[in-house]
């Protein structure tokens, strides 16, 4: 995620966005993003855990 965060401006040049997906609940995302200085949204794949990855 840190690498994607560093390359975010390159993605924006192509009108692309980055979204992170986590199996943690949405209440954990602000601290995680702040700790890692992330500048893109995090989505929750919390319940049922991992449902997005199984698609």
PDB file of N, CA and C in Angstrom:
ATOM      1  N   UNK A   1       0.816  -1.183   0.000  1.00  0.00           N
ATOM      2  CA  UNK A   1       0.000   0.000   0.000  1.00  0.00           C
ATOM      3  C   UNK A   1       0.866   1.256   0.000  1.00  0.00           C
ATOM      4  N   UNK A   2       2.003   1.157   0.644  1.00  0.00           N
ATOM      5  CA  UNK A   2       2.891   2.319   0.680  1.00  0.00           C
ATOM      6  C   UNK A   2       3.383   2.670  -0.720  1.00  0.00           C
ATOM      7  N   UNK A   3       3.702   1.655  -1.509  1.00  0.00           N
ATOM      8  CA  UNK A   3       4.165   1.895  -2.873  1.00  0.00           C
ATOM      9  C   UNK A   3       3.066   2.538  -3.713  1.00  0.00           C
ATOM     10  N   UNK A   4       1.836   2.028  -3.614  1.00  0.00           N
ATOM     11  CA  UNK A   4       0.717   2.637  -4.353  1.00  0.00           C
ATOM     12  C   UNK A   4       0.518   4.076  -3.919  1.00  0.00           C
ATOM     13  N   UNK A   5       0.657   4.337  -2.651  1.00  0.00           N
ATOM     14  CA  UNK A   5       0.507   5.693  -2.138  1.00  0.00           C
ATOM     15  C   UNK A   5       1.560   6.611  -2.760  1.00  0.00           C
ATOM     16  N   UNK A   6       2.789   6.115  -2.875  1.00  0.00           N
ATOM     17  CA  UNK A   6       3.859   6.911  -3.471  1.00  0.00           C
ATOM     18  C   UNK A   6       3.633   7.156  -4.962  1.00  0.00           C
ATOM     19  N   UNK A   7       2.970   6.223  -5.641  1.00  0.00           N
ATOM     20  CA  UNK A   7       2.733   6.335  -7.080  1.00  0.00           C
ATOM     21  C   UNK A   7       1.363   6.919  -7.418  1.00  0.00           C
ATOM     22  N   UNK A   8       0.656   7.411  -6.434  1.00  0.00           N
ATOM     23  CA  UNK A   8      -0.708   7.904  -6.628  1.00  0.00           C
ATOM     24  C   UNK A   8      -0.801   8.958  -7.725  1.00  0.00           C
ATOM     25  N   UNK A   9       0.144   9.873  -7.791  1.00  0.00           N
ATOM     26  CA  UNK A   9       0.089  10.926  -8.821  1.00  0.00           C
ATOM     27  C   UNK A   9       0.202  10.332 -10.222  1.00  0.00           C
ATOM     28  N   UNK A  10       0.939   9.238 -10.373  1.00  0.00           N
ATOM     29  CA  UNK A  10       1.033   8.574 -11.687  1.00  0.00           C
ATOM     30  C   UNK A  10      -0.321   8.015 -12.103  1.00  0.00           C
ATOM     31  N   UNK A  11      -1.044   7.427 -11.185  1.00  0.00           N
ATOM     32  CA  UNK A  11      -2.380   6.906 -11.480  1.00  0.00           C
ATOM     33  C   UNK A  11      -3.323   8.038 -11.858  1.00  0.00           C
ATOM     34  N   UNK A  12      -3.229   9.150 -11.165  1.00  0.00           N
ATOM     35  CA  UNK A  12      -4.096  10.292 -11.435  1.00  0.00           C
ATOM     36  C   UNK A  12      -3.856  10.874 -12.824  1.00  0.00           C
ATOM     37  N   UNK A  13      -2.635  10.767 -13.340  1.00  0.00           N
ATOM     38  CA  UNK A  13      -2.354  11.238 -14.707  1.00  0.00           C
ATOM     39  C   UNK A  13      -3.235  10.524 -15.729  1.00  0.00           C
ATOM     40  N   UNK A  14      -3.641   9.302 -15.428  1.00  0.00           N
ATOM     41  CA  UNK A  14      -4.476   8.500 -16.326  1.00  0.00           C
ATOM     42  C   UNK A  14      -5.930   8.446 -15.854  1.00  0.00           C
ATOM     43  N   UNK A  15      -6.286   9.380 -14.990  1.00  0.00           N
ATOM     44  CA  UNK A  15      -7.638   9.445 -14.420  1.00  0.00           C
ATOM     45  C   UNK A  15      -8.035   8.146 -13.724  1.00  0.00           C
ATOM     46  N   UNK A  16      -7.067   7.482 -13.132  1.00  0.00           N
ATOM     47  CA  UNK A  16      -7.318   6.245 -12.392  1.00  0.00           C
ATOM     48  C   UNK A  16      -7.281   6.537 -10.895  1.00  0.00           C
ATOM     49  N   UNK A  17      -8.051   5.789 -10.165  1.00  0.00           N
ATOM     50  CA  UNK A  17      -8.088   5.913  -8.713  1.00  0.00           C
ATOM     51  C   UNK A  17      -7.649   4.605  -8.084  1.00  0.00           C
ATOM     52  N   UNK A  18      -7.115   4.683  -6.905  1.00  0.00           N
ATOM     53  CA  UNK A  18      -6.742   3.505  -6.129  1.00  0.00           C
ATOM     54  C   UNK A  18      -7.688   3.399  -4.941  1.00  0.00           C
ATOM     55  N   UNK A  19      -8.158   2.180  -4.703  1.00  0.00           N
ATOM     56  CA  UNK A  19      -8.984   1.875  -3.542  1.00  0.00           C
ATOM     57  C   UNK A  19      -8.346   0.707  -2.815  1.00  0.00           C
ATOM     58  N   UNK A  20      -8.191   0.822  -1.525  1.00  0.00           N
ATOM     59  CA  UNK A  20      -7.688  -0.284  -0.725  1.00  0.00           C
ATOM     60  C   UNK A  20      -8.866  -1.060  -0.157  1.00  0.00           C
ATOM     61  N   UNK A  21      -8.726  -2.372  -0.078  1.00  0.00           N
ATOM     62  CA  UNK A  21      -9.775  -3.217   0.497  1.00  0.00           C
ATOM     63  C   UNK A  21      -9.179  -3.982   1.668  1.00  0.00           C
ATOM     64  N   UNK A  22      -9.848  -3.909   2.803  1.00  0.00           N
ATOM     65  CA  UNK A  22      -9.370  -4.538   4.023  1.00  0.00           C
ATOM     66  C   UNK A  22     -10.460  -5.399   4.632  1.00  0.00           C
ATOM     67  N   UNK A  23     -10.068  -6.499   5.276  1.00  0.00           N
ATOM     68  CA  UNK A  23     -11.051  -7.313   5.988  1.00  0.00           C
ATOM     69  C   UNK A  23     -11.311  -6.780   7.397  1.00  0.00           C
ATOM     70  N   UNK A  24     -10.648  -5.677   7.750  1.00  0.00           N
ATOM     71  CA  UNK A  24     -10.924  -5.011   9.022  1.00  0.00           C
ATOM     72  C   UNK A  24     -12.193  -4.181   8.888  1.00  0.00           C
ATOM     73  N   UNK A  25     -12.793  -3.877  10.008  1.00  0.00           N
ATOM     74  CA  UNK A  25     -13.973  -3.027  10.020  1.00  0.00           C
ATOM     75  C   UNK A  25     -13.612  -1.589   9.677  1.00  0.00           C
ATOM     76  N   UNK A  26     -14.578  -0.855   9.197  1.00  0.00           N
ATOM     77  CA  UNK A  26     -14.371   0.520   8.751  1.00  0.00           C
ATOM     78  C   UNK A  26     -13.865   1.415   9.884  1.00  0.00           C
ATOM     79  N   UNK A  27     -14.181   1.089  11.134  1.00  0.00           N
ATOM     80  CA  UNK A  27     -13.735   1.900  12.273  1.00  0.00           C
ATOM     81  C   UNK A  27     -12.216   1.847  12.459  1.00  0.00           C
ATOM     82  N   UNK A  28     -11.544   0.854  11.884  1.00  0.00           N
ATOM     83  CA  UNK A  28     -10.088   0.750  11.994  1.00  0.00           C
ATOM     84  C   UNK A  28      -9.354   1.529  10.906  1.00  0.00           C
ATOM     85  N   UNK A  29     -10.038   1.847   9.826  1.00  0.00           N
ATOM     86  CA  UNK A  29      -9.396   2.468   8.666  1.00  0.00           C
ATOM     87  C   UNK A  29      -8.754   3.826   8.936  1.00  0.00           C
ATOM     88  N   UNK A  30      -9.387   4.733   9.666  1.00  0.00           N
ATOM     89  CA  UNK A  30      -8.741   6.037   9.885  1.00  0.00           C
ATOM     90  C   UNK A  30      -7.363   5.925  10.546  1.00  0.00           C
ATOM     91  N   UNK A  31      -7.233   5.099  11.565  1.00  0.00           N
ATOM     92  CA  UNK A  31      -5.945   4.946  12.244  1.00  0.00           C
ATOM     93  C   UNK A  31      -4.919   4.289  11.323  1.00  0.00           C
ATOM     94  N   UNK A  32      -5.342   3.293  10.566  1.00  0.00           N
ATOM     95  CA  UNK A  32      -4.443   2.607   9.637  1.00  0.00           C
ATOM     96  C   UNK A  32      -3.943   3.576   8.569  1.00  0.00           C
ATOM     97  N   UNK A  33      -4.860   4.329   7.970  1.00  0.00           N
ATOM     98  CA  UNK A  33      -4.497   5.288   6.920  1.00  0.00           C
ATOM     99  C   UNK A  33      -3.602   6.398   7.478  1.00  0.00           C
ATOM    100  N   UNK A  34      -3.925   6.866   8.659  1.00  0.00           N
ATOM    101  CA  UNK A  34      -3.120   7.929   9.276  1.00  0.00           C
ATOM    102  C   UNK A  34      -1.710   7.425   9.584  1.00  0.00           C
ATOM    103  N   UNK A  35      -1.610   6.227  10.127  1.00  0.00           N
ATOM    104  CA  UNK A  35      -0.320   5.656  10.489  1.00  0.00           C
ATOM    105  C   UNK A  35       0.582   5.453   9.269  1.00  0.00           C
ATOM    106  N   UNK A  36      -0.028   5.125   8.138  1.00  0.00           N
ATOM    107  CA  UNK A  36       0.743   4.855   6.922  1.00  0.00           C
ATOM    108  C   UNK A  36       0.715   6.013   5.926  1.00  0.00           C
ATOM    109  N   UNK A  37       0.093   7.117   6.335  1.00  0.00           N
ATOM    110  CA  UNK A  37       0.012   8.327   5.507  1.00  0.00           C
ATOM    111  C   UNK A  37      -0.620   8.048   4.140  1.00  0.00           C
ATOM    112  N   UNK A  38      -1.685   7.252   4.135  1.00  0.00           N
ATOM    113  CA  UNK A  38      -2.356   6.897   2.883  1.00  0.00           C
ATOM    114  C   UNK A  38      -3.254   8.034   2.426  1.00  0.00           C
ATOM    115  N   UNK A  39      -3.316   8.226   1.120  1.00  0.00           N
ATOM    116  CA  UNK A  39      -4.124   9.296   0.543  1.00  0.00           C
ATOM    117  C   UNK A  39      -5.126   8.755  -0.468  1.00  0.00           C
ATOM    118  N   UNK A  40      -5.636   7.563  -0.190  1.00  0.00           N
ATOM    119  CA  UNK A  40      -6.693   6.978  -1.020  1.00  0.00           C
ATOM    120  C   UNK A  40      -7.661   6.248  -0.095  1.00  0.00           C
ATOM    121  N   UNK A  41      -8.905   6.061  -0.547  1.00  0.00           N
ATOM    122  CA  UNK A  41      -9.924   5.460   0.307  1.00  0.00           C
ATOM    123  C   UNK A  41      -9.664   3.983   0.594  1.00  0.00           C
ATOM    124  N   UNK A  42     -10.098   3.566   1.765  1.00  0.00           N
ATOM    125  CA  UNK A  42     -10.068   2.160   2.149  1.00  0.00           C
ATOM    126  C   UNK A  42     -11.512   1.666   2.253  1.00  0.00           C
ATOM    127  N   UNK A  43     -11.773   0.519   1.675  1.00  0.00           N
ATOM    128  CA  UNK A  43     -13.091  -0.094   1.725  1.00  0.00           C
ATOM    129  C   UNK A  43     -13.043  -1.289   2.668  1.00  0.00           C
ATOM    130  N   UNK A  44     -14.169  -1.599   3.297  1.00  0.00           N
ATOM    131  CA  UNK A  44     -14.230  -2.706   4.250  1.00  0.00           C
ATOM    132  C   UNK A  44     -14.872  -3.934   3.627  1.00  0.00           C
ATOM    133  N   UNK A  45     -14.186  -5.057   3.714  1.00  0.00           N
ATOM    134  CA  UNK A  45     -14.708  -6.368   3.316  1.00  0.00           C
ATOM    135  C   UNK A  45     -14.847  -7.185   4.596  1.00  0.00           C
ATOM    136  N   UNK A  46     -15.619  -6.618   5.517  1.00  0.00           N
ATOM    137  CA  UNK A  46     -15.659  -7.130   6.892  1.00  0.00           C
ATOM    138  C   UNK A  46     -16.602  -8.307   7.079  1.00  0.00           C
ATOM    139  N   UNK A  47     -17.844  -8.156   6.730  1.00  0.00           N
ATOM    140  CA  UNK A  47     -18.833  -9.232   6.949  1.00  0.00           C
ATOM    141  C   UNK A  47     -19.636  -9.466   5.686  1.00  0.00           C
ATOM    142  N   UNK A  48     -19.708 -10.659   5.191  1.00  0.00           N
ATOM    143  CA  UNK A  48     -18.901 -11.788   5.642  1.00  0.00           C
ATOM    144  C   UNK A  48     -17.446 -11.597   5.234  1.00  0.00           C
ATOM    145  N   UNK A  49     -16.537 -11.908   6.132  1.00  0.00           N
ATOM    146  CA  UNK A  49     -15.107 -11.674   5.922  1.00  0.00           C
ATOM    147  C   UNK A  49     -14.635 -12.270   4.609  1.00  0.00           C
ATOM    148  N   UNK A  50     -13.995 -11.425   3.810  1.00  0.00           N
ATOM    149  CA  UNK A  50     -13.397 -11.886   2.566  1.00  0.00           C
ATOM    150  C   UNK A  50     -14.362 -12.128   1.424  1.00  0.00           C
ATOM    151  N   UNK A  51     -15.597 -11.690   1.533  1.00  0.00           N
ATOM    152  CA  UNK A  51     -16.578 -11.943   0.470  1.00  0.00           C
ATOM    153  C   UNK A  51     -16.147 -11.329  -0.859  1.00  0.00           C
ATOM    154  N   UNK A  52     -15.526 -10.163  -0.827  1.00  0.00           N
ATOM    155  CA  UNK A  52     -15.092  -9.515  -2.065  1.00  0.00           C
ATOM    156  C   UNK A  52     -13.993 -10.334  -2.725  1.00  0.00           C
ATOM    157  N   UNK A  53     -13.045 -10.820  -1.938  1.00  0.00           N
ATOM    158  CA  UNK A  53     -11.949 -11.584  -2.520  1.00  0.00           C
ATOM    159  C   UNK A  53     -12.419 -12.910  -3.102  1.00  0.00           C
ATOM    160  N   UNK A  54     -13.546 -13.428  -2.625  1.00  0.00           N
ATOM    161  CA  UNK A  54     -14.059 -14.700  -3.129  1.00  0.00           C
ATOM    162  C   UNK A  54     -14.798 -14.549  -4.448  1.00  0.00           C
ATOM    163  N   UNK A  55     -15.067 -13.328  -4.848  1.00  0.00           N
ATOM    164  CA  UNK A  55     -15.821 -13.124  -6.092  1.00  0.00           C
ATOM    165  C   UNK A  55     -14.990 -13.355  -7.304  1.00  0.00           C
TER     166      UNK A  55
END
